[in-house]
C-alpha atoms as a PDB file:
ATOM      1  CA  MET A   1       4.187  -2.405  14.194  1.00  0.00           C
ATOM      2  CA  ARG A   2       4.346  -6.070  13.343  1.00  0.00           C
ATOM      3  CA  PHE A   3       5.789  -8.059  10.463  1.00  0.00           C
ATOM      4  CA  TYR A   4       3.659 -10.842   9.009  1.00  0.00           C
ATOM      5  CA  THR A   5       4.331 -13.923   6.928  1.00  0.00           C
ATOM      6  CA  LYS A   6       2.242 -14.484   3.802  1.00  0.00           C
ATOM      7  CA  ASP A   7       0.008 -16.863   5.795  1.00  0.00           C
ATOM      8  CA  GLU A   8      -0.437 -14.270   8.542  1.00  0.00           C
ATOM      9  CA  CYS A   9      -1.363 -11.638   5.911  1.00  0.00           C
ATOM     10  CA  GLU A  10      -4.022 -13.960   4.515  1.00  0.00           C
ATOM     11  CA  GLN A  11      -5.250 -14.704   8.050  1.00  0.00           C
ATOM     12  CA  TRP A  12      -5.480 -10.958   8.815  1.00  0.00           C
ATOM     13  CA  LEU A  13      -7.554 -10.428   5.667  1.00  0.00           C
ATOM     14  CA  ARG A  14      -9.892 -13.290   6.599  1.00  0.00           C
ATOM     15  CA  GLY A  15     -10.131 -11.900  10.133  1.00  0.00           C
ATOM     16  CA  VAL A  16     -11.468  -8.590   8.839  1.00  0.00           C
ATOM     17  CA  GLY A  17     -13.695 -10.411   6.337  1.00  0.00           C
ATOM     18  CA  ARG A  18     -11.929  -9.213   3.210  1.00  0.00           C
ATOM     19  CA  VAL A  19     -10.027 -10.145   0.061  1.00  0.00           C
ATOM     20  CA  LYS A  20      -7.536  -8.191  -2.026  1.00  0.00           C
ATOM     21  CA  PRO A  21      -9.438  -5.260  -3.541  1.00  0.00           C
ATOM     22  CA  ASP A  22      -8.486  -5.912  -7.157  1.00  0.00           C
ATOM     23  CA  SER A  23     -10.256  -9.283  -7.008  1.00  0.00           C
ATOM     24  CA  ILE A  24     -13.671  -7.760  -6.240  1.00  0.00           C
ATOM     25  CA  PRO A  25     -15.920  -7.143  -9.261  1.00  0.00           C
ATOM     26  CA  GLN A  26     -17.654  -3.763  -9.342  1.00  0.00           C
ATOM     27  CA  THR A  27     -15.077  -2.144  -7.073  1.00  0.00           C
ATOM     28  CA  HIS A  28     -14.453   1.464  -8.098  1.00  0.00           C
ATOM     29  CA  ARG A  29     -10.910   2.380  -8.997  1.00  0.00           C
ATOM     30  CA  ALA A  30      -8.752   5.466  -9.414  1.00  0.00           C
ATOM     31  CA  HIS A  31      -5.468   4.979 -11.290  1.00  0.00           C
ATOM     32  CA  VAL A  32      -2.620   7.383 -10.431  1.00  0.00           C
ATOM     33  CA  HIS A  33       0.886   7.444 -11.906  1.00  0.00           C
ATOM     34  CA  TYR A  34       3.767   8.065  -9.528  1.00  0.00           C
ATOM     35  CA  PRO A  35       4.763  11.726  -9.440  1.00  0.00           C
ATOM     36  CA  THR A  36       7.945  13.085 -10.925  1.00  0.00           C
ATOM     37  CA  PRO A  37      10.491  14.017  -9.795  1.00  0.00           C
ATOM     38  CA  ALA A  38      11.116  11.105  -7.449  1.00  0.00           C
ATOM     39  CA  SER A  39      11.348  13.559  -4.531  1.00  0.00           C
ATOM     40  CA  ARG A  40       7.519  13.788  -4.730  1.00  0.00           C
ATOM     41  CA  ILE A  41       7.228  10.111  -3.727  1.00  0.00           C
ATOM     42  CA  LEU A  42       7.591  11.178  -0.094  1.00  0.00           C
ATOM     43  CA  TYR A  43       4.531  13.409  -0.433  1.00  0.00           C
ATOM     44  CA  LEU A  44       2.545  10.581  -2.061  1.00  0.00           C
ATOM     45  CA  ALA A  45       3.549   8.116   0.672  1.00  0.00           C
ATOM     46  CA  GLN A  46       2.682  10.572   3.440  1.00  0.00           C
ATOM     47  CA  TRP A  47      -0.653  11.420   1.812  1.00  0.00           C
ATOM     48  CA  VAL A  48      -1.597   7.739   1.430  1.00  0.00           C
ATOM     49  CA  ALA A  49      -0.649   6.899   5.005  1.00  0.00           C
ATOM     50  CA  GLY A  50      -2.340   9.962   6.461  1.00  0.00           C
ATOM     51  CA  SER A  51      -5.505   9.697   4.397  1.00  0.00           C
ATOM     52  CA  LEU A  52      -6.354   5.994   4.210  1.00  0.00           C
ATOM     53  CA  MET A  53      -5.810   4.707   7.748  1.00  0.00           C
ATOM     54  CA  TYR A  54      -8.436   6.679   9.718  1.00  0.00           C
ATOM     55  CA  ARG A  55      -6.325   5.936  12.801  1.00  0.00           C
ATOM     56  CA  GLN A  56      -7.030   2.221  12.375  1.00  0.00           C
ATOM     57  CA  PRO A  57      -4.592  -0.576  11.473  1.00  0.00           C
ATOM     58  CA  ALA A  58      -3.384  -1.046   7.921  1.00  0.00           C
ATOM     59  CA  LEU A  59      -1.461  -3.890   6.327  1.00  0.00           C
ATOM     60  CA  MET A  60       1.201  -3.148   3.726  1.00  0.00           C
ATOM     61  CA  TRP A  61       1.739  -6.468   1.940  1.00  0.00           C
ATOM     62  CA  ILE A  62       4.676  -6.541  -0.478  1.00  0.00           C
ATOM     63  CA  THR A  63       3.931  -8.946  -3.333  1.00  0.00           C
ATOM     64  CA  GLU A  64       6.449  -7.852  -5.996  1.00  0.00           C
ATOM     65  CA  TRP A  65      10.181  -7.389  -5.575  1.00  0.00           C
ATOM     66  CA  GLY A  66      13.383  -8.308  -7.380  1.00  0.00           C
ATOM     67  CA  ILE A  67      12.315  -6.583 -10.606  1.00  0.00           C
ATOM     68  CA  TRP A  68      14.378  -3.379 -10.463  1.00  0.00           C
ATOM     69  CA  ASP A  69      17.524  -2.328  -8.606  1.00  0.00           C
ATOM     70  CA  GLU A  70      16.790  -2.267  -4.902  1.00  0.00           C
ATOM     71  CA  ASN A  71      18.377  -0.647  -1.877  1.00  0.00           C
ATOM     72  CA  TRP A  72      18.230  -3.695   0.370  1.00  0.00           C
ATOM     73  CA  HIS A  73      20.595  -2.095   2.869  1.00  0.00           C
ATOM     74  CA  LEU A  74      18.208   0.802   3.495  1.00  0.00           C
ATOM     75  CA  TYR A  75      15.164  -1.460   3.737  1.00  0.00           C
ATOM     76  CA  TYR A  76      16.742  -3.943   6.143  1.00  0.00           C
ATOM     77  CA  LYS A  77      18.226  -1.229   8.358  1.00  0.00           C
ATOM     78  CA  LEU A  78      14.748   0.336   8.596  1.00  0.00           C
ATOM     79  CA  ARG A  79      13.195  -3.051   9.340  1.00  0.00           C
ATOM     80  CA  GLN A  80      15.874  -3.906  11.903  1.00  0.00           C
ATOM     81  CA  SER A  81      15.165  -0.644  13.714  1.00  0.00           C
ATOM     82  CA  TYR A  82      11.791  -2.258  14.585  1.00  0.00           C
ATOM     83  CA  GLY A  83      13.518  -5.353  15.963  1.00  0.00           C
ATOM     84  CA  ASP A  84      12.849  -7.692  13.036  1.00  0.00           C
ATOM     85  CA  VAL A  85      15.687  -9.479  11.229  1.00  0.00           C
ATOM     86  CA  ARG A  86      13.704 -11.709   8.875  1.00  0.00           C
ATOM     87  CA  LEU A  87      14.030 -11.386   5.125  1.00  0.00           C
ATOM     88  CA  LEU A  88      11.317  -9.814   3.002  1.00  0.00           C
ATOM     89  CA  HIS A  89      10.337 -13.106   1.379  1.00  0.00           C
ATOM     90  CA  GLU A  90       9.958 -14.679   4.845  1.00  0.00           C
ATOM     91  CA  SER A  91       7.565 -12.011   6.096  1.00  0.00           C
ATOM     92  CA  PRO A  92       6.329  -9.626   3.405  1.00  0.00           C
ATOM     93  CA  GLY A  93       3.536  -8.151   5.531  1.00  0.00           C
ATOM     94  CA  HIS A  94       3.888  -4.969   7.573  1.00  0.00           C
ATOM     95  CA  LEU A  95       1.006  -4.297   9.978  1.00  0.00           C
ATOM     96  CA  PHE A  96       0.823  -0.696  11.145  1.00  0.00           C
ATOM     97  CA  LEU A  97      -1.339   0.205  14.112  1.00  0.00           C
ATOM     98  CA  GLY A  98      -3.635   3.206  13.935  1.00  0.00           C
ATOM     99  CA  HIS A  99      -1.089   5.609  15.420  1.00  0.00           C
ATOM    100  CA  GLU A 100       1.730   4.482  13.089  1.00  0.00           C
ATOM    101  CA  SER A 101       0.864   6.363   9.894  1.00  0.00           C
ATOM    102  CA  GLU A 102       4.332   7.962   9.738  1.00  0.00           C
ATOM    103  CA  ASP A 103       5.860   4.487   9.914  1.00  0.00           C
ATOM    104  CA  LEU A 104       3.656   3.353   7.037  1.00  0.00           C
ATOM    105  CA  ALA A 105       4.714   6.428   5.041  1.00  0.00           C
ATOM    106  CA  SER A 106       8.404   5.577   5.529  1.00  0.00           C
ATOM    107  CA  PHE A 107       8.050   1.932   4.537  1.00  0.00           C
ATOM    108  CA  LEU A 108       5.814   2.811   1.585  1.00  0.00           C
ATOM    109  CA  GLN A 109       8.316   5.375   0.327  1.00  0.00           C
ATOM    110  CA  VAL A 110      11.138   2.821   0.476  1.00  0.00           C
ATOM    111  CA  ALA A 111       8.970   0.197  -1.243  1.00  0.00           C
ATOM    112  CA  ILE A 112       8.031   2.559  -4.077  1.00  0.00           C
ATOM    113  CA  LEU A 113      11.605   3.774  -4.564  1.00  0.00           C
ATOM    114  CA  ASN A 114      12.782   0.134  -4.637  1.00  0.00           C
ATOM    115  CA  GLY A 115      10.352  -0.578  -7.459  1.00  0.00           C
ATOM    116  CA  TRP A 116       8.286  -3.009  -5.420  1.00  0.00           C
ATOM    117  CA  GLY A 117       4.586  -3.699  -5.660  1.00  0.00           C
ATOM    118  CA  GLY A 118       2.013  -4.608  -3.074  1.00  0.00           C
ATOM    119  CA  TYR A 119      -1.126  -3.670  -1.239  1.00  0.00           C
ATOM    120  CA  ILE A 120      -2.203  -1.156   1.368  1.00  0.00           C
ATOM    121  CA  LEU A 121      -5.146  -2.893   3.031  1.00  0.00           C
ATOM    122  CA  THR A 122      -6.890  -0.801   5.642  1.00  0.00           C
ATOM    123  CA  GLN A 123      -9.054  -2.039   8.457  1.00  0.00           C
ATOM    124  CA  ALA A 124     -11.293   0.986   7.870  1.00  0.00           C
ATOM    125  CA  ASP A 125     -11.939  -0.325   4.315  1.00  0.00           C
ATOM    126  CA  TYR A 126     -13.024   3.021   2.863  1.00  0.00           C
ATOM    127  CA  VAL A 127     -10.171   2.999   0.347  1.00  0.00           C
ATOM    128  CA  ASN A 128      -7.459   0.389  -0.269  1.00  0.00           C
ATOM    129  CA  ALA A 129      -4.593   0.456  -2.727  1.00  0.00           C
ATOM    130  CA  PHE A 130      -2.284  -1.554  -4.925  1.00  0.00           C
ATOM    131  CA  PHE A 131       1.078   0.015  -5.775  1.00  0.00           C
ATOM    132  CA  SER A 132       2.985  -1.383  -8.724  1.00  0.00           C
ATOM    133  CA  HIS A 133       6.586  -1.816  -9.811  1.00  0.00           C
ATOM    134  CA  ASP A 134       5.302  -0.217 -13.037  1.00  0.00           C
ATOM    135  CA  GLU A 135       5.125   3.162 -11.246  1.00  0.00           C
ATOM    136  CA  TYR A 136       1.440   3.594 -10.540  1.00  0.00           C
ATOM    137  CA  ILE A 137      -0.944   3.141  -7.669  1.00  0.00           C
ATOM    138  CA  ASP A 138      -4.532   1.973  -8.002  1.00  0.00           C
ATOM    139  CA  PHE A 139      -6.955   3.030  -5.292  1.00  0.00           C
ATOM    140  CA  PHE A 140     -10.056   0.875  -4.742  1.00  0.00           C
ATOM    141  CA  ALA A 141     -13.324   1.662  -2.987  1.00  0.00           C
ATOM    142  CA  GLU A 142     -16.758   0.125  -2.780  1.00  0.00           C
ATOM    143  CA  LEU A 143     -18.269   3.614  -3.075  1.00  0.00           C
ATOM    144  CA  ASP A 144     -17.034   5.829  -5.888  1.00  0.00           C
ATOM    145  CA  GLU A 145     -17.372   8.954  -3.729  1.00  0.00           C
ATOM    146  CA  ASN A 146     -14.672   7.571  -1.399  1.00  0.00           C
ATOM    147  CA  LEU A 147     -12.195   8.206  -4.239  1.00  0.00           C
ATOM    148  CA  ALA A 148     -13.071  11.902  -4.602  1.00  0.00           C
ATOM    149  CA  GLY A 149     -10.201  13.091  -2.376  1.00  0.00           C
ATOM    150  CA  ILE A 150      -7.688  11.084  -4.395  1.00  0.00           C
ATOM    151  CA  ARG A 151      -8.991  12.439  -7.684  1.00  0.00           C
ATOM    152  CA  LYS A 152      -8.872  15.978  -6.328  1.00  0.00           C
ATOM    153  CA  GLU A 153      -5.335  15.589  -4.961  1.00  0.00           C
ATOM    154  CA  PHE A 154      -3.677  13.668  -7.787  1.00  0.00           C
ATOM    155  CA  GLY A 155      -6.037  13.548 -10.731  1.00  0.00           C
ATOM    156  CA  THR A 156      -6.458  10.106 -12.237  1.00  0.00           C
ATOM    157  CA  VAL A 157      -5.947   8.390 -15.533  1.00  0.00           C
ATOM    158  CA  GLU A 158      -9.262   6.568 -15.456  1.00  0.00           C
ATOM    159  CA  HIS A 159     -12.320   6.139 -13.285  1.00  0.00           C
ATOM    160  CA  GLN A 160     -13.833   2.698 -13.644  1.00  0.00           C
ATOM    161  CA  THR A 161     -14.780  -0.394 -11.755  1.00  0.00           C
ATOM    162  CA  ALA A 162     -12.231  -3.171 -11.332  1.00  0.00           C
ATOM    163  CA  ARG A 163     -14.294  -5.414 -13.620  1.00  0.00           C
ATOM    164  CA  GLU A 164     -13.901  -2.950 -16.532  1.00  0.00           C
ATOM    165  CA  VAL A 165     -10.092  -2.997 -16.281  1.00  0.00           C
END
């Protein structure tokens, strides 16, 4: 696992020939509200990490923080356990290698519980996601059928392209 600055996140995206998924017209989307009770967030985080990576790298890029009460102590202790002591605003990117899906699940769970927002950008590029401080996650895919597993697992509020949002 590696931690990336904002510039390194942008460089990683360029390196895989991509942009953030919510900026692509005609991208299909599935909108899912966070589950209640909050104890179900662990299941959501584990499902996302286990289902989107395809044993390839994924970048979790935190873009929203400081909105709700946050457990900074928990986050920084988790981050420090990977040998990184920088602050979130200094390096908001978290690159997980293909075999680190459990690590992604842990960081995603903490991010969601802290009320943060950001992206899960997968190298596989079948499905990517944006999770919001407003307690939802949007899944994006070029092909609508790539969202079928998400719709089956969680149901969705709407099924539309990003342009229609």
